[in-house]
Amino acid sequence: MVRASLLRRSSLPHLIFYGPKGTGKTTLARAMARERGVRIVETTGDTLVDKGDVRQLLWMTCAHGWSEVPGQGWLPHEPSAGEPVILFVDEVHRITKEAAESLYRPLEDNTTSLESGQGVTTVHLPPFTMIGATTDAGKLLQPLVTRVRMLYLDPYTDDELIEIAKAHAARLTHDVEPQPDRVIPKEITWDDAALREIAH
């Protein structure tokens, strides 16, 4: 998905990662932002209670904001500037129904509505991707689920955890620059039985 996004110069699809704790949902979202080369804005579902919270979050996520121009309503500061941004919502199942309803239109067509002295104005948002994370997919609002791709993250197996530990050891001994406040051993050896116990 990241490679396709780079080739098309488009934003990633909206996603929700679900699965048990410790499967790396937050880490994966940050890794995708880094690989895509875009900014990530992080929040939690319990902070999105009403449409005002969603409007404020979109304002921060899109980085530019809007100003009310007399006679023209709300206009974005920089309508086409910037790369696609990733909005990461942890515990996305905790978003209220009212807040979620304010998210549907931005997710579908990158627009939102703002009220001004001129009435209601449609504002076009810069490209963005919402990535949600949850350990309780059963509590997600169905209209939200229909607007995103759901991806289940399996827990790591013991063998996979051992491989990760070995990779970190190799990185410590070969790739990391020495730091004055940390002693890095020249060589790390592993006892497989101990590693398997740690992984378990």
Protein backbone atom coordinates (compact mmCIF):
# COMPACT_ATOMS: atom_id res chain seq x y z
CA MET A 1 0.00 0.00 0.00
CA VAL A 2 2.83 2.41 0.83
CA ARG A 3 4.61 1.73 -2.46
CA ALA A 4 1.41 2.17 -4.44
CA SER A 5 0.71 5.43 -2.60
CA LEU A 6 4.18 6.75 -3.43
CA LEU A 7 3.86 5.80 -7.12
CA ARG A 8 0.44 7.45 -7.41
CA ARG A 9 1.43 10.39 -5.17
CA SER A 10 -1.80 9.81 -3.30
CA SER A 11 -2.77 9.24 0.30
CA LEU A 12 -2.99 5.77 1.78
CA PRO A 13 -6.44 4.18 2.13
CA HIS A 14 -8.26 4.66 5.43
CA LEU A 15 -7.49 1.70 7.71
CA ILE A 16 -8.37 0.20 11.07
CA PHE A 17 -5.92 -2.22 12.67
CA TYR A 18 -7.52 -4.59 15.15
CA GLY A 19 -6.17 -7.40 17.29
CA PRO A 20 -4.86 -8.16 20.78
CA LYS A 21 -2.70 -5.77 22.79
CA GLY A 22 0.98 -5.81 21.94
CA THR A 23 0.63 -6.68 18.25
CA GLY A 24 2.19 -3.40 17.13
CA LYS A 25 -0.81 -1.44 15.86
CA THR A 26 0.58 1.95 16.88
CA THR A 27 4.09 1.02 15.77
CA LEU A 28 2.82 -0.08 12.36
CA ALA A 29 0.95 3.21 11.85
CA ARG A 30 4.11 5.17 12.71
CA ALA A 31 6.18 2.96 10.41
CA MET A 32 3.75 3.53 7.53
CA ALA A 33 3.96 7.30 8.03
CA ARG A 34 7.74 7.13 8.06
CA GLU A 35 7.92 4.92 4.95
CA ARG A 36 5.45 7.18 3.15
CA GLY A 37 7.43 10.23 4.28
CA VAL A 38 4.47 12.07 5.79
CA ARG A 39 3.54 13.62 9.12
CA ILE A 40 1.45 11.65 11.62
CA VAL A 41 -0.96 13.22 14.12
CA GLU A 42 -1.95 10.96 17.02
CA THR A 43 -5.02 11.06 19.23
CA THR A 44 -7.37 8.68 21.06
CA GLY A 45 -11.01 7.88 20.41
CA ASP A 46 -12.21 9.15 23.79
CA THR A 47 -11.15 12.71 22.87
CA LEU A 48 -13.63 12.77 19.96
CA VAL A 49 -16.99 13.44 21.60
CA ASP A 50 -18.77 15.87 19.25
CA LYS A 51 -18.41 17.51 15.83
CA GLY A 52 -16.38 20.37 17.33
CA ASP A 53 -13.72 17.88 18.44
CA VAL A 54 -13.59 16.42 14.92
CA ARG A 55 -13.36 19.88 13.34
CA GLN A 56 -10.48 20.82 15.66
CA LEU A 57 -8.69 17.55 14.92
CA LEU A 58 -9.04 17.99 11.16
CA TRP A 59 -7.75 21.53 11.55
CA MET A 60 -4.62 20.28 13.32
CA THR A 61 -4.17 17.29 11.03
CA CYS A 62 -4.33 19.31 7.84
CA ALA A 63 -1.88 21.78 9.44
CA HIS A 64 -3.13 24.79 7.51
CA GLY A 65 -6.45 25.65 9.15
CA TRP A 66 -9.17 27.90 7.79
CA SER A 67 -10.04 31.56 8.15
CA GLU A 68 -13.45 33.17 7.79
CA VAL A 69 -13.17 35.69 4.94
CA PRO A 70 -15.94 38.35 4.81
CA GLY A 71 -18.23 37.68 1.89
CA GLN A 72 -16.52 34.35 1.08
CA GLY A 73 -17.07 32.24 4.17
CA TRP A 74 -14.44 29.77 5.37
CA LEU A 75 -11.35 29.37 3.20
CA PRO A 76 -8.27 27.18 3.81
CA HIS A 77 -5.00 29.03 4.37
CA GLU A 78 -3.14 26.90 1.83
CA PRO A 79 -5.67 24.83 -0.10
CA SER A 80 -3.26 22.57 -1.99
CA ALA A 81 -0.09 22.61 0.09
CA GLY A 82 1.52 19.67 1.78
CA GLU A 83 1.82 15.93 1.45
CA PRO A 84 -0.94 13.57 2.63
CA VAL A 85 -1.07 13.40 6.42
CA ILE A 86 -1.84 10.36 8.58
CA LEU A 87 -4.34 10.81 11.40
CA PHE A 88 -3.88 7.99 13.91
CA VAL A 89 -6.77 7.33 16.32
CA ASP A 90 -5.97 4.82 19.06
CA GLU A 91 -8.92 3.11 20.74
CA VAL A 92 -10.99 4.18 17.76
CA HIS A 93 -13.99 2.21 19.08
CA ARG A 94 -14.42 4.89 21.76
CA ILE A 95 -15.43 7.61 19.27
CA THR A 96 -19.00 8.72 19.96
CA LYS A 97 -21.71 8.38 17.34
CA GLU A 98 -21.96 12.17 16.93
CA ALA A 99 -18.20 12.56 16.36
CA ALA A 100 -18.10 9.58 13.99
CA GLU A 101 -20.91 11.06 11.89
CA SER A 102 -18.78 14.20 11.45
CA LEU A 103 -15.93 12.03 10.18
CA TYR A 104 -17.83 10.18 7.46
CA ARG A 105 -17.83 12.99 4.90
CA PRO A 106 -14.11 13.80 5.29
CA LEU A 107 -13.33 10.08 4.95
CA GLU A 108 -15.44 9.75 1.80
CA ASP A 109 -14.54 12.85 -0.22
CA ASN A 110 -12.05 14.96 1.76
CA THR A 111 -14.57 17.70 2.51
CA THR A 112 -16.20 19.05 5.63
CA SER A 113 -18.77 21.74 6.38
CA LEU A 114 -18.20 24.86 8.46
CA GLU A 115 -20.83 27.37 9.57
CA SER A 116 -20.19 31.08 9.07
CA GLY A 117 -22.07 34.35 8.68
CA GLN A 118 -22.55 33.36 5.04
CA GLY A 119 -24.23 30.08 6.02
CA VAL A 120 -22.74 26.61 5.69
CA THR A 121 -19.59 26.37 3.55
CA THR A 122 -18.01 23.21 2.15
CA VAL A 123 -14.26 23.14 2.82
CA HIS A 124 -11.96 20.93 0.77
CA LEU A 125 -9.35 19.23 2.92
CA PRO A 126 -5.80 18.36 1.86
CA PRO A 127 -5.36 14.59 1.37
CA PHE A 128 -5.22 12.64 4.62
CA THR A 129 -5.46 9.06 5.83
CA MET A 130 -7.17 7.96 9.01
CA ILE A 131 -5.66 4.91 10.66
CA GLY A 132 -7.53 3.59 13.67
CA ALA A 133 -6.45 0.96 16.18
CA THR A 134 -8.61 -1.13 18.48
CA THR A 135 -8.54 -4.26 20.59
CA ASP A 136 -12.35 -4.41 20.50
CA ALA A 137 -13.57 -4.36 16.88
CA GLY A 138 -17.03 -5.48 18.02
CA LYS A 139 -17.68 -2.01 19.47
CA LEU A 140 -16.90 -0.16 16.23
CA LEU A 141 -19.77 1.75 14.64
CA GLN A 142 -20.86 -0.08 11.49
CA PRO A 143 -20.99 3.03 9.25
CA LEU A 144 -17.35 3.70 10.17
CA VAL A 145 -16.35 0.11 9.36
CA THR A 146 -17.88 0.38 5.88
CA ARG A 147 -15.66 3.38 5.07
CA VAL A 148 -12.28 1.83 5.94
CA ARG A 149 -10.22 -1.29 5.32
CA MET A 150 -10.09 -3.60 8.34
CA LEU A 151 -6.77 -5.34 8.93
CA TYR A 152 -6.32 -7.95 11.67
CA LEU A 153 -2.89 -8.15 13.33
CA ASP A 154 -1.95 -11.58 14.67
CA PRO A 155 0.10 -11.84 17.87
CA TYR A 156 3.74 -12.73 17.30
CA THR A 157 4.69 -16.38 17.73
CA ASP A 158 7.55 -17.34 20.05
CA ASP A 159 9.75 -18.04 16.99
CA GLU A 160 9.00 -14.59 15.57
CA LEU A 161 9.82 -12.94 18.91
CA ILE A 162 13.14 -14.77 18.97
CA GLU A 163 13.96 -13.53 15.45
CA ILE A 164 13.10 -9.96 16.51
CA ALA A 165 15.36 -10.23 19.55
CA LYS A 166 18.23 -11.54 17.41
CA ALA A 167 17.72 -8.73 14.89
CA HIS A 168 17.94 -6.16 17.70
CA ALA A 169 21.11 -7.77 18.98
CA ALA A 170 22.68 -7.62 15.52
CA ARG A 171 21.70 -3.97 15.22
CA LEU A 172 23.19 -3.15 18.61
CA THR A 173 26.50 -4.76 17.77
CA HIS A 174 26.87 -3.50 14.19
CA ASP A 175 24.72 -0.51 13.29
CA VAL A 176 24.27 1.72 16.32
CA GLU A 177 26.70 4.59 16.91
CA PRO A 178 28.37 4.51 20.35
CA GLN A 179 26.65 6.69 22.93
CA PRO A 180 28.46 8.15 25.96
CA ASP A 181 25.68 7.21 28.39
CA ARG A 182 25.37 3.61 27.24
CA VAL A 183 27.75 0.69 27.04
CA ILE A 184 27.18 -1.56 24.03
CA PRO A 185 28.94 -4.94 24.20
CA LYS A 186 31.18 -5.83 21.28
CA GLU A 187 29.45 -9.15 20.86
CA ILE A 188 26.21 -10.60 22.18
CA THR A 189 25.72 -14.34 22.36
CA TRP A 190 22.39 -16.04 22.82
CA ASP A 191 21.32 -19.13 24.64
CA ASP A 192 18.40 -20.47 22.59
CA ALA A 193 16.65 -22.00 25.60
CA ALA A 194 16.80 -18.69 27.48
CA LEU A 195 15.55 -16.81 24.42
CA ARG A 196 12.62 -19.17 24.00
CA GLU A 197 11.67 -18.72 27.68
CA ILE A 198 11.80 -14.91 27.30
CA ALA A 199 9.69 -15.06 24.13
CA HIS A 200 7.13 -17.28 25.84
